[in-house]
Amino acid sequence: MLEEAITVAAIIGGSAAAVWYAKNKFQPGIERDLERIESTTYERPESRHKTHK
């Protein structure tokens, strides 16, 4: 019973560590991409309205 508990704790701890590592590694790039996408998304509707006038 104790071995199963240790195994489950190790699996959950390892998963948590992998998620933390991935978040720290990829989050800055994701935020940059989102800012770039949002800035182009907000500019396009204005240019569309200008072309239809």
Protein backbone atom coordinates (compact mmCIF):
# COMPACT_ATOMS: atom_id res chain seq x y z
CA MET A 1 0.00 0.00 0.00
CA LEU A 2 2.83 2.36 0.84
CA GLU A 3 4.58 1.60 -2.45
CA GLU A 4 1.46 2.50 -4.43
CA ALA A 5 1.13 5.77 -2.56
CA ILE A 6 4.76 6.64 -3.26
CA THR A 7 4.34 5.70 -6.92
CA VAL A 8 1.22 7.87 -7.30
CA ALA A 9 2.95 10.77 -5.55
CA ALA A 10 5.97 10.43 -7.85
CA ILE A 11 3.77 10.38 -10.95
CA ILE A 12 1.79 13.44 -9.85
CA GLY A 13 4.97 15.26 -8.82
CA GLY A 14 6.66 14.44 -12.11
CA SER A 15 3.64 15.62 -14.06
CA ALA A 16 3.52 18.86 -12.09
CA ALA A 17 7.22 19.44 -12.75
CA ALA A 18 6.76 18.82 -16.48
CA VAL A 19 3.85 21.27 -16.65
CA TRP A 20 5.83 23.91 -14.73
CA TYR A 21 8.83 23.48 -17.04
CA ALA A 22 6.70 23.69 -20.19
CA LYS A 23 4.88 26.78 -18.91
CA ASN A 24 8.13 28.58 -18.13
CA LYS A 25 9.66 27.62 -21.46
CA PHE A 26 6.74 28.34 -23.82
CA GLN A 27 4.63 31.03 -22.09
CA PRO A 28 6.71 34.06 -23.20
CA GLY A 29 6.53 32.98 -26.85
CA ILE A 30 2.80 32.34 -26.64
CA GLU A 31 2.19 35.78 -25.12
CA ARG A 32 4.23 37.45 -27.88
CA ASP A 33 2.28 35.60 -30.56
CA LEU A 34 -1.05 36.52 -28.96
CA GLU A 35 -0.06 40.21 -28.77
CA ARG A 36 0.94 40.13 -32.45
CA ILE A 37 -2.32 38.42 -33.46
CA GLU A 38 -4.43 40.80 -31.38
CA SER A 39 -2.69 43.87 -32.80
CA THR A 40 -3.30 42.73 -36.39
CA THR A 41 -6.87 41.71 -35.60
CA TYR A 42 -7.73 45.14 -34.25
CA GLU A 43 -6.19 46.93 -37.23
CA ARG A 44 -7.95 44.95 -39.96
CA PRO A 45 -11.57 45.97 -39.28
CA GLU A 46 -10.61 49.66 -39.54
CA SER A 47 -8.95 49.11 -42.91
CA ARG A 48 -11.96 47.12 -44.15
CA HIS A 49 -14.35 49.92 -43.28
CA LYS A 50 -12.18 52.44 -45.10
CA THR A 51 -12.19 50.38 -48.32
CA HIS A 52 -15.99 50.04 -48.39
CA LYS A 53 -16.65 53.79 -48.26
